[in-house]
Amino acid sequence: MFKKLLPVMVLCMPLLMAGCSGLKKGKIAPSLRCPQTGLMHYTDTAVFKDAAGQEAAFVALQDFRGGCEFVQKGDKAVDIKIDLSFYAENRKTDVPLKKMGFSYFIAILGPDEAILTKEVFPLSIEFDKESGSGLAVENVQQHIPLTDLELSSRYKIIFGLQLTQEQYMENKRGPQKAAQQ
């Protein structure tokens, strides 16, 4: 039996050793988990209108990636790094837009889901002349002071486009219901 398992053990050994390489003296225990992150419902897209009420641009928060690091020297904390990817599309046909400015937000929720902080960030995307669209990636960092690092997974970080009440309600209704009105 051991002879049958030997090739599997030899192949898996580098993976097992790599998993243990982060457990050096003074490092944080691997049982700690990053705060939950996610997009707030109905805030991933927005249609922006011009002064005449015509669609001028469409913006979408397309993707997010990130991770966290635990700080145990001095004041305990968790530092979160998030990359947010945005897509914008020019919908003006008479006088095409060169760029679109809008805002997005990041909020930190405590274990009881109360908002501890909320920051609004401006962003501008330039439109490509040929495609009429543009992309931007924002790198943001958040810092959560903690009394106990084990509590980090009970915190949440939410983000989305900073919308008007009208934009939020349109997104909540959905494209079919908004078109019927």
N, C-alpha and C. Protein backbone atom coordinates (compact mmCIF):
# COMPACT_ATOMS: atom_id res chain seq x y z
N MET A 1 0.83 -1.19 0.00
CA MET A 1 0.00 0.00 0.00
C MET A 1 0.87 1.25 0.00
N PHE A 2 1.93 1.25 0.84
CA PHE A 2 2.81 2.41 0.93
C PHE A 2 3.47 2.68 -0.43
N LYS A 3 3.84 1.61 -1.16
CA LYS A 3 4.48 1.78 -2.47
C LYS A 3 3.52 2.44 -3.46
N LYS A 4 2.22 2.18 -3.33
CA LYS A 4 1.23 2.79 -4.22
C LYS A 4 1.05 4.27 -3.89
N LEU A 5 1.16 4.63 -2.62
CA LEU A 5 0.98 6.02 -2.21
C LEU A 5 2.23 6.88 -2.40
N LEU A 6 3.39 6.23 -2.51
CA LEU A 6 4.64 6.97 -2.61
C LEU A 6 4.66 7.96 -3.78
N PRO A 7 4.28 7.55 -5.01
CA PRO A 7 4.29 8.54 -6.10
C PRO A 7 3.35 9.73 -5.85
N VAL A 8 2.20 9.47 -5.25
CA VAL A 8 1.26 10.55 -4.94
C VAL A 8 1.86 11.48 -3.90
N MET A 9 2.51 10.91 -2.87
CA MET A 9 3.11 11.73 -1.83
C MET A 9 4.25 12.57 -2.39
N VAL A 10 5.05 12.00 -3.28
CA VAL A 10 6.16 12.74 -3.88
C VAL A 10 5.63 13.91 -4.71
N LEU A 11 4.55 13.68 -5.46
CA LEU A 11 3.96 14.74 -6.27
C LEU A 11 3.31 15.83 -5.42
N CYS A 12 2.71 15.45 -4.32
CA CYS A 12 2.00 16.41 -3.47
C CYS A 12 2.91 17.14 -2.48
N MET A 13 4.11 16.64 -2.24
CA MET A 13 5.00 17.23 -1.24
C MET A 13 5.29 18.71 -1.50
N PRO A 14 5.60 19.13 -2.75
CA PRO A 14 5.84 20.57 -2.96
C PRO A 14 4.63 21.43 -2.61
N LEU A 15 3.44 20.93 -2.90
CA LEU A 15 2.23 21.68 -2.55
C LEU A 15 2.07 21.79 -1.04
N LEU A 16 2.32 20.71 -0.34
CA LEU A 16 2.20 20.73 1.12
C LEU A 16 3.24 21.66 1.73
N MET A 17 4.46 21.63 1.22
CA MET A 17 5.51 22.48 1.74
C MET A 17 5.21 23.96 1.44
N ALA A 18 4.65 24.24 0.26
CA ALA A 18 4.32 25.62 -0.09
C ALA A 18 3.26 26.16 0.85
N GLY A 19 2.31 25.33 1.23
CA GLY A 19 1.26 25.75 2.14
C GLY A 19 1.80 26.09 3.52
N CYS A 20 2.90 25.49 3.91
CA CYS A 20 3.49 25.75 5.22
C CYS A 20 4.50 26.87 5.21
N SER A 21 4.90 27.34 4.03
CA SER A 21 5.95 28.35 3.97
C SER A 21 5.56 29.67 4.60
N GLY A 22 4.27 29.94 4.71
CA GLY A 22 3.82 31.18 5.32
C GLY A 22 3.80 31.15 6.84
N LEU A 23 4.12 30.01 7.44
CA LEU A 23 4.03 29.87 8.89
C LEU A 23 5.38 30.11 9.57
N LYS A 24 6.02 31.17 9.19
CA LYS A 24 7.30 31.51 9.82
C LYS A 24 7.06 32.15 11.18
N LYS A 25 8.07 32.14 11.99
CA LYS A 25 7.96 32.72 13.33
C LYS A 25 7.54 34.19 13.24
N GLY A 26 6.53 34.55 14.01
CA GLY A 26 6.07 35.93 14.02
C GLY A 26 4.96 36.21 13.02
N LYS A 27 4.60 35.25 12.18
CA LYS A 27 3.54 35.46 11.20
C LYS A 27 2.18 35.22 11.84
N ILE A 28 1.15 35.75 11.21
CA ILE A 28 -0.22 35.59 11.69
C ILE A 28 -0.71 34.18 11.41
N ALA A 29 -1.52 33.64 12.30
CA ALA A 29 -2.07 32.31 12.13
C ALA A 29 -2.94 32.24 10.87
N PRO A 30 -2.86 31.14 10.11
CA PRO A 30 -3.61 31.04 8.87
C PRO A 30 -5.13 30.91 9.07
N SER A 31 -5.59 30.76 10.29
CA SER A 31 -7.03 30.63 10.54
C SER A 31 -7.76 31.96 10.43
N LEU A 32 -7.04 33.07 10.39
CA LEU A 32 -7.68 34.39 10.28
C LEU A 32 -8.22 34.56 8.87
N ARG A 33 -9.41 35.16 8.79
CA ARG A 33 -10.04 35.36 7.48
C ARG A 33 -10.25 36.84 7.22
N CYS A 34 -10.12 37.20 5.95
CA CYS A 34 -10.35 38.59 5.54
C CYS A 34 -11.81 38.95 5.74
N PRO A 35 -12.10 40.24 5.88
CA PRO A 35 -13.50 40.68 5.92
C PRO A 35 -14.20 40.29 4.62
N GLN A 36 -15.49 40.10 4.71
CA GLN A 36 -16.27 39.80 3.51
C GLN A 36 -16.31 41.05 2.64
N THR A 37 -16.22 40.86 1.34
CA THR A 37 -16.31 41.99 0.42
C THR A 37 -17.38 41.71 -0.62
N GLY A 38 -17.99 42.77 -1.11
CA GLY A 38 -18.99 42.56 -2.15
C GLY A 38 -19.62 43.84 -2.62
N LEU A 39 -20.35 43.69 -3.67
CA LEU A 39 -21.04 44.79 -4.33
C LEU A 39 -22.41 44.99 -3.69
N MET A 40 -22.74 46.24 -3.40
CA MET A 40 -24.07 46.54 -2.87
C MET A 40 -25.10 46.31 -3.99
N HIS A 41 -26.21 45.68 -3.64
CA HIS A 41 -27.27 45.39 -4.62
C HIS A 41 -27.66 46.64 -5.38
N TYR A 42 -27.85 46.47 -6.69
CA TYR A 42 -28.38 47.51 -7.59
C TYR A 42 -27.43 48.69 -7.81
N THR A 43 -26.17 48.57 -7.44
CA THR A 43 -25.24 49.69 -7.63
C THR A 43 -24.10 49.35 -8.59
N ASP A 44 -24.27 48.31 -9.38
CA ASP A 44 -23.20 47.90 -10.30
C ASP A 44 -23.26 48.61 -11.65
N THR A 45 -24.41 49.19 -12.02
CA THR A 45 -24.52 49.90 -13.30
C THR A 45 -25.27 51.21 -13.10
N ALA A 46 -25.08 52.11 -14.07
CA ALA A 46 -25.81 53.37 -14.04
C ALA A 46 -25.89 53.94 -15.44
N VAL A 47 -27.02 54.54 -15.75
CA VAL A 47 -27.20 55.29 -16.98
C VAL A 47 -27.20 56.76 -16.57
N PHE A 48 -26.35 57.54 -17.22
CA PHE A 48 -26.27 58.97 -16.95
C PHE A 48 -26.94 59.71 -18.10
N LYS A 49 -27.74 60.70 -17.75
CA LYS A 49 -28.50 61.46 -18.75
C LYS A 49 -27.96 62.88 -18.85
N ASP A 50 -28.16 63.47 -20.03
CA ASP A 50 -27.75 64.87 -20.21
C ASP A 50 -28.86 65.79 -19.71
N ALA A 51 -28.68 67.09 -19.87
CA ALA A 51 -29.65 68.08 -19.37
C ALA A 51 -31.02 67.93 -20.02
N ALA A 52 -31.06 67.38 -21.25
CA ALA A 52 -32.33 67.19 -21.96
C ALA A 52 -33.01 65.88 -21.58
N GLY A 53 -32.38 65.09 -20.71
CA GLY A 53 -32.97 63.83 -20.28
C GLY A 53 -32.65 62.66 -21.20
N GLN A 54 -31.74 62.85 -22.16
CA GLN A 54 -31.33 61.78 -23.08
C GLN A 54 -30.16 61.02 -22.48
N GLU A 55 -30.08 59.74 -22.77
CA GLU A 55 -28.96 58.94 -22.28
C GLU A 55 -27.65 59.48 -22.84
N ALA A 56 -26.70 59.72 -21.95
CA ALA A 56 -25.39 60.23 -22.36
C ALA A 56 -24.31 59.16 -22.22
N ALA A 57 -24.39 58.36 -21.16
CA ALA A 57 -23.37 57.35 -20.92
C ALA A 57 -23.91 56.23 -20.03
N PHE A 58 -23.29 55.09 -20.18
CA PHE A 58 -23.57 53.92 -19.35
C PHE A 58 -22.27 53.57 -18.64
N VAL A 59 -22.33 53.30 -17.34
CA VAL A 59 -21.15 52.93 -16.56
C VAL A 59 -21.45 51.65 -15.80
N ALA A 60 -20.45 50.76 -15.72
CA ALA A 60 -20.61 49.51 -14.99
C ALA A 60 -19.37 49.22 -14.17
N LEU A 61 -19.58 48.76 -12.94
CA LEU A 61 -18.50 48.23 -12.12
C LEU A 61 -18.43 46.76 -12.52
N GLN A 62 -17.42 46.40 -13.31
CA GLN A 62 -17.37 45.08 -13.93
C GLN A 62 -16.79 43.98 -13.08
N ASP A 63 -15.77 44.31 -12.28
CA ASP A 63 -15.06 43.24 -11.58
C ASP A 63 -14.36 43.82 -10.36
N PHE A 64 -14.07 42.97 -9.41
CA PHE A 64 -13.26 43.38 -8.28
C PHE A 64 -12.41 42.20 -7.82
N ARG A 65 -11.23 42.53 -7.32
CA ARG A 65 -10.31 41.54 -6.79
C ARG A 65 -9.60 42.18 -5.60
N GLY A 66 -9.11 41.36 -4.72
CA GLY A 66 -8.39 41.94 -3.60
C GLY A 66 -7.93 40.92 -2.60
N GLY A 67 -7.42 41.42 -1.52
CA GLY A 67 -6.94 40.58 -0.44
C GLY A 67 -6.71 41.43 0.79
N CYS A 68 -6.21 40.79 1.83
CA CYS A 68 -5.96 41.54 3.06
C CYS A 68 -4.69 41.06 3.72
N GLU A 69 -4.17 41.93 4.57
CA GLU A 69 -3.01 41.62 5.41
C GLU A 69 -3.36 41.98 6.84
N PHE A 70 -2.91 41.15 7.76
CA PHE A 70 -3.17 41.40 9.17
C PHE A 70 -1.96 42.09 9.80
N VAL A 71 -2.22 43.13 10.56
CA VAL A 71 -1.18 43.89 11.24
C VAL A 71 -1.25 43.53 12.72
N GLN A 72 -0.17 43.01 13.26
CA GLN A 72 -0.20 42.68 14.68
C GLN A 72 0.83 43.44 15.48
N LYS A 73 1.68 44.23 14.81
CA LYS A 73 2.62 45.07 15.54
C LYS A 73 1.91 46.33 15.96
N GLY A 74 2.07 46.74 17.20
CA GLY A 74 1.38 47.94 17.69
C GLY A 74 -0.12 47.69 17.74
N ASP A 75 -0.89 48.58 17.15
CA ASP A 75 -2.35 48.41 17.11
C ASP A 75 -2.71 47.33 16.10
N LYS A 76 -3.54 46.39 16.52
CA LYS A 76 -3.96 45.32 15.62
C LYS A 76 -4.94 45.88 14.60
N ALA A 77 -4.84 45.37 13.37
CA ALA A 77 -5.70 45.86 12.30
C ALA A 77 -5.66 44.88 11.13
N VAL A 78 -6.56 45.11 10.19
CA VAL A 78 -6.52 44.40 8.92
C VAL A 78 -6.52 45.46 7.83
N ASP A 79 -5.57 45.32 6.90
CA ASP A 79 -5.47 46.22 5.75
C ASP A 79 -6.01 45.49 4.53
N ILE A 80 -6.93 46.12 3.84
CA ILE A 80 -7.59 45.52 2.68
C ILE A 80 -7.19 46.28 1.43
N LYS A 81 -6.81 45.56 0.39
CA LYS A 81 -6.51 46.15 -0.91
C LYS A 81 -7.51 45.58 -1.91
N ILE A 82 -8.16 46.48 -2.65
CA ILE A 82 -9.17 46.07 -3.62
C ILE A 82 -8.89 46.77 -4.94
N ASP A 83 -8.96 46.01 -6.04
CA ASP A 83 -8.90 46.56 -7.38
C ASP A 83 -10.31 46.50 -7.96
N LEU A 84 -10.83 47.66 -8.34
CA LEU A 84 -12.16 47.75 -8.93
C LEU A 84 -12.02 48.09 -10.41
N SER A 85 -12.69 47.33 -11.28
CA SER A 85 -12.63 47.55 -12.73
C SER A 85 -13.94 48.16 -13.21
N PHE A 86 -13.83 49.27 -13.93
CA PHE A 86 -15.00 49.99 -14.44
C PHE A 86 -15.00 50.02 -15.97
N TYR A 87 -16.19 49.99 -16.54
CA TYR A 87 -16.39 50.10 -17.99
C TYR A 87 -17.39 51.22 -18.21
N ALA A 88 -17.13 52.05 -19.22
CA ALA A 88 -18.06 53.14 -19.55
C ALA A 88 -18.29 53.14 -21.06
N GLU A 89 -19.50 53.48 -21.43
CA GLU A 89 -19.90 53.50 -22.84
C GLU A 89 -20.57 54.83 -23.17
N ASN A 90 -20.09 55.48 -24.21
CA ASN A 90 -20.66 56.74 -24.67
C ASN A 90 -21.97 56.44 -25.41
N ARG A 91 -23.05 57.07 -25.01
CA ARG A 91 -24.34 56.86 -25.68
C ARG A 91 -24.82 58.12 -26.41
N LYS A 92 -23.98 59.14 -26.43
CA LYS A 92 -24.31 60.37 -27.16
C LYS A 92 -23.92 60.17 -28.62
N THR A 93 -24.86 60.33 -29.53
CA THR A 93 -24.55 60.17 -30.95
C THR A 93 -24.37 61.51 -31.65
N ASP A 94 -25.08 62.53 -31.19
CA ASP A 94 -24.97 63.83 -31.86
C ASP A 94 -23.64 64.52 -31.56
N VAL A 95 -23.27 64.63 -30.32
CA VAL A 95 -21.99 65.21 -29.90
C VAL A 95 -21.37 64.22 -28.91
N PRO A 96 -20.53 63.29 -29.42
CA PRO A 96 -19.97 62.27 -28.53
C PRO A 96 -19.16 62.87 -27.39
N LEU A 97 -19.26 62.24 -26.24
CA LEU A 97 -18.50 62.65 -25.06
C LEU A 97 -17.04 62.22 -25.21
N LYS A 98 -16.13 63.01 -24.65
CA LYS A 98 -14.71 62.65 -24.64
C LYS A 98 -14.38 61.85 -23.39
N LYS A 99 -15.06 62.18 -22.29
CA LYS A 99 -14.84 61.45 -21.04
C LYS A 99 -16.09 61.57 -20.18
N MET A 100 -16.15 60.70 -19.18
CA MET A 100 -17.31 60.66 -18.27
C MET A 100 -16.79 60.66 -16.85
N GLY A 101 -17.31 61.57 -16.04
CA GLY A 101 -16.96 61.61 -14.63
C GLY A 101 -18.11 61.07 -13.80
N PHE A 102 -17.80 60.27 -12.83
CA PHE A 102 -18.80 59.71 -11.92
C PHE A 102 -18.10 59.39 -10.61
N SER A 103 -18.84 58.84 -9.66
CA SER A 103 -18.27 58.49 -8.35
C SER A 103 -18.65 57.08 -7.96
N TYR A 104 -17.82 56.49 -7.14
CA TYR A 104 -18.13 55.20 -6.54
C TYR A 104 -17.84 55.32 -5.05
N PHE A 105 -18.35 54.35 -4.28
CA PHE A 105 -18.17 54.40 -2.83
C PHE A 105 -17.63 53.09 -2.31
N ILE A 106 -17.01 53.18 -1.14
CA ILE A 106 -16.60 52.01 -0.37
C ILE A 106 -17.04 52.26 1.06
N ALA A 107 -17.72 51.29 1.65
CA ALA A 107 -18.19 51.40 3.03
C ALA A 107 -17.70 50.20 3.83
N ILE A 108 -17.39 50.44 5.09
CA ILE A 108 -17.01 49.36 6.01
C ILE A 108 -18.15 49.19 7.00
N LEU A 109 -18.62 47.94 7.11
CA LEU A 109 -19.69 47.61 8.04
C LEU A 109 -19.10 46.83 9.21
N GLY A 110 -19.55 47.14 10.39
CA GLY A 110 -19.11 46.43 11.59
C GLY A 110 -19.80 45.09 11.72
N PRO A 111 -19.47 44.33 12.76
CA PRO A 111 -20.09 43.03 12.98
C PRO A 111 -21.62 43.10 13.09
N ASP A 112 -22.14 44.24 13.55
CA ASP A 112 -23.60 44.39 13.65
C ASP A 112 -24.21 44.97 12.37
N GLU A 113 -23.38 45.09 11.31
CA GLU A 113 -23.75 45.61 9.99
C GLU A 113 -24.05 47.10 9.97
N ALA A 114 -23.70 47.81 11.04
CA ALA A 114 -23.81 49.27 11.03
C ALA A 114 -22.65 49.83 10.20
N ILE A 115 -22.91 50.91 9.47
CA ILE A 115 -21.87 51.54 8.66
C ILE A 115 -20.89 52.27 9.58
N LEU A 116 -19.63 51.83 9.54
CA LEU A 116 -18.59 52.47 10.35
C LEU A 116 -17.98 53.65 9.59
N THR A 117 -17.70 53.45 8.31
CA THR A 117 -17.19 54.53 7.46
C THR A 117 -17.72 54.34 6.05
N LYS A 118 -17.81 55.44 5.34
CA LYS A 118 -18.16 55.41 3.92
C LYS A 118 -17.37 56.52 3.25
N GLU A 119 -16.65 56.16 2.19
CA GLU A 119 -15.90 57.14 1.42
C GLU A 119 -16.41 57.12 -0.02
N VAL A 120 -16.51 58.32 -0.61
CA VAL A 120 -16.92 58.45 -2.00
C VAL A 120 -15.70 58.92 -2.79
N PHE A 121 -15.43 58.25 -3.90
CA PHE A 121 -14.26 58.54 -4.71
C PHE A 121 -14.69 58.97 -6.11
N PRO A 122 -14.13 60.07 -6.62
CA PRO A 122 -14.43 60.47 -7.99
C PRO A 122 -13.59 59.66 -8.97
N LEU A 123 -14.12 59.46 -10.18
CA LEU A 123 -13.39 58.75 -11.22
C LEU A 123 -13.82 59.30 -12.57
N SER A 124 -12.88 59.40 -13.48
CA SER A 124 -13.16 59.87 -14.82
C SER A 124 -12.63 58.84 -15.81
N ILE A 125 -13.44 58.48 -16.79
CA ILE A 125 -13.03 57.53 -17.82
C ILE A 125 -13.07 58.24 -19.17
N GLU A 126 -11.96 58.14 -19.90
CA GLU A 126 -11.90 58.70 -21.24
C GLU A 126 -12.43 57.67 -22.23
N PHE A 127 -13.21 58.17 -23.22
CA PHE A 127 -13.78 57.29 -24.23
C PHE A 127 -12.84 57.18 -25.43
N ASP A 128 -12.68 55.98 -25.93
CA ASP A 128 -11.95 55.74 -27.15
C ASP A 128 -12.77 56.30 -28.32
N LYS A 129 -12.14 57.04 -29.24
CA LYS A 129 -12.87 57.67 -30.34
C LYS A 129 -13.56 56.66 -31.24
N GLU A 130 -12.91 55.53 -31.49
CA GLU A 130 -13.48 54.53 -32.40
C GLU A 130 -14.56 53.67 -31.74
N SER A 131 -14.28 53.14 -30.56
CA SER A 131 -15.23 52.23 -29.92
C SER A 131 -16.30 52.96 -29.11
N GLY A 132 -15.98 54.18 -28.68
CA GLY A 132 -16.94 54.92 -27.85
C GLY A 132 -17.03 54.38 -26.43
N SER A 133 -16.03 53.61 -26.02
CA SER A 133 -16.05 53.05 -24.67
C SER A 133 -14.70 53.29 -23.99
N GLY A 134 -14.65 53.04 -22.70
CA GLY A 134 -13.41 53.20 -21.95
C GLY A 134 -13.38 52.31 -20.73
N LEU A 135 -12.18 52.07 -20.23
CA LEU A 135 -11.97 51.23 -19.05
C LEU A 135 -11.11 51.97 -18.03
N ALA A 136 -11.29 51.63 -16.78
CA ALA A 136 -10.44 52.17 -15.71
C ALA A 136 -10.37 51.14 -14.58
N VAL A 137 -9.22 51.07 -13.94
CA VAL A 137 -9.04 50.22 -12.77
C VAL A 137 -8.59 51.11 -11.62
N GLU A 138 -9.28 51.03 -10.52
CA GLU A 138 -8.94 51.79 -9.32
C GLU A 138 -8.38 50.84 -8.28
N ASN A 139 -7.25 51.23 -7.69
CA ASN A 139 -6.64 50.46 -6.60
C ASN A 139 -6.92 51.22 -5.32
N VAL A 140 -7.68 50.62 -4.42
CA VAL A 140 -8.03 51.30 -3.17
C VAL A 140 -7.59 50.45 -1.99
N GLN A 141 -7.34 51.14 -0.88
CA GLN A 141 -6.94 50.46 0.35
C GLN A 141 -7.83 50.94 1.49
N GLN A 142 -8.17 50.03 2.36
CA GLN A 142 -8.96 50.34 3.54
C GLN A 142 -8.24 49.73 4.75
N HIS A 143 -8.41 50.38 5.89
CA HIS A 143 -7.74 49.96 7.12
C HIS A 143 -8.81 49.82 8.21
N ILE A 144 -8.88 48.65 8.83
CA ILE A 144 -9.85 48.42 9.90
C ILE A 144 -9.09 48.11 11.19
N PRO A 145 -9.11 49.04 12.17
CA PRO A 145 -8.50 48.73 13.47
C PRO A 145 -9.33 47.67 14.19
N LEU A 146 -8.67 46.72 14.81
CA LEU A 146 -9.36 45.63 15.50
C LEU A 146 -8.79 45.44 16.90
N THR A 147 -9.66 45.12 17.85
CA THR A 147 -9.17 44.74 19.18
C THR A 147 -8.74 43.29 19.20
N ASP A 148 -9.37 42.48 18.32
CA ASP A 148 -9.08 41.06 18.24
C ASP A 148 -9.07 40.67 16.76
N LEU A 149 -7.94 40.20 16.24
CA LEU A 149 -7.84 39.84 14.84
C LEU A 149 -8.81 38.74 14.43
N GLU A 150 -9.21 37.92 15.37
CA GLU A 150 -10.17 36.84 15.07
C GLU A 150 -11.52 37.39 14.62
N LEU A 151 -11.81 38.66 14.93
CA LEU A 151 -13.10 39.26 14.56
C LEU A 151 -13.13 39.77 13.12
N SER A 152 -12.02 39.73 12.42
CA SER A 152 -11.93 40.34 11.08
C SER A 152 -12.99 39.81 10.12
N SER A 153 -13.31 38.53 10.18
CA SER A 153 -14.28 37.96 9.24
C SER A 153 -15.71 38.42 9.53
N ARG A 154 -15.94 39.08 10.66
CA ARG A 154 -17.28 39.57 10.98
C ARG A 154 -17.54 40.95 10.40
N TYR A 155 -16.50 41.59 9.85
CA TYR A 155 -16.64 42.89 9.20
C TYR A 155 -16.95 42.68 7.72
N LYS A 156 -17.53 43.69 7.09
CA LYS A 156 -17.84 43.63 5.66
C LYS A 156 -17.39 44.91 4.99
N ILE A 157 -16.98 44.76 3.75
CA ILE A 157 -16.65 45.92 2.93
C ILE A 157 -17.55 45.84 1.71
N ILE A 158 -18.35 46.89 1.51
CA ILE A 158 -19.23 46.93 0.35
C ILE A 158 -18.85 48.13 -0.52
N PHE A 159 -19.14 48.01 -1.79
CA PHE A 159 -18.82 49.08 -2.71
C PHE A 159 -19.82 49.08 -3.85
N GLY A 160 -19.81 50.17 -4.61
CA GLY A 160 -20.71 50.29 -5.75
C GLY A 160 -20.60 51.68 -6.34
N LEU A 161 -21.37 51.91 -7.39
CA LEU A 161 -21.44 53.24 -7.98
C LEU A 161 -22.26 54.13 -7.07
N GLN A 162 -21.84 55.37 -6.94
CA GLN A 162 -22.60 56.35 -6.15
C GLN A 162 -23.73 56.84 -7.05
N LEU A 163 -24.95 56.42 -6.77
CA LEU A 163 -26.10 56.70 -7.63
C LEU A 163 -27.03 57.74 -7.03
N THR A 164 -27.80 58.37 -7.90
CA THR A 164 -28.90 59.20 -7.43
C THR A 164 -30.03 58.25 -7.02
N GLN A 165 -31.01 58.77 -6.32
CA GLN A 165 -32.16 57.94 -5.93
C GLN A 165 -32.87 57.41 -7.17
N GLU A 166 -32.97 58.24 -8.21
CA GLU A 166 -33.63 57.83 -9.46
C GLU A 166 -32.87 56.68 -10.13
N GLN A 167 -31.54 56.78 -10.21
CA GLN A 167 -30.74 55.70 -10.81
C GLN A 167 -30.87 54.41 -10.02
N TYR A 168 -30.84 54.53 -8.70
CA TYR A 168 -30.97 53.34 -7.85
C TYR A 168 -32.33 52.66 -8.08
N MET A 169 -33.40 53.45 -8.13
CA MET A 169 -34.74 52.88 -8.33
C MET A 169 -34.87 52.26 -9.72
N GLU A 170 -34.27 52.87 -10.74
CA GLU A 170 -34.29 52.28 -12.08
C GLU A 170 -33.59 50.93 -12.08
N ASN A 171 -32.44 50.84 -11.42
CA ASN A 171 -31.72 49.57 -11.33
C ASN A 171 -32.54 48.53 -10.57
N LYS A 172 -33.20 48.95 -9.52
CA LYS A 172 -33.99 48.03 -8.71
C LYS A 172 -35.19 47.49 -9.49
N ARG A 173 -35.81 48.37 -10.29
CA ARG A 173 -36.95 47.93 -11.12
C ARG A 173 -36.50 46.97 -12.20
N GLY A 174 -35.31 47.15 -12.72
CA GLY A 174 -34.80 46.31 -13.79
C GLY A 174 -35.12 46.88 -15.15
N PRO A 175 -34.44 46.40 -16.19
CA PRO A 175 -34.61 46.97 -17.53
C PRO A 175 -36.00 46.77 -18.12
N GLN A 176 -36.66 45.64 -17.85
CA GLN A 176 -37.98 45.41 -18.41
C GLN A 176 -39.01 46.38 -17.82
N LYS A 177 -39.03 46.52 -16.51
CA LYS A 177 -40.02 47.38 -15.86
C LYS A 177 -39.75 48.86 -16.16
N ALA A 178 -38.48 49.26 -16.23
CA ALA A 178 -38.15 50.65 -16.52
C ALA A 178 -38.57 51.01 -17.93
N ALA A 179 -38.45 50.08 -18.89
CA ALA A 179 -38.82 50.34 -20.29
C ALA A 179 -40.33 50.46 -20.45
N GLN A 180 -41.10 49.79 -19.61
CA GLN A 180 -42.57 49.84 -19.70
C GLN A 180 -43.15 51.14 -19.21
N GLN A 181 -42.43 51.88 -18.40
CA GLN A 181 -42.98 53.10 -17.82
C GLN A 181 -42.88 54.27 -18.75
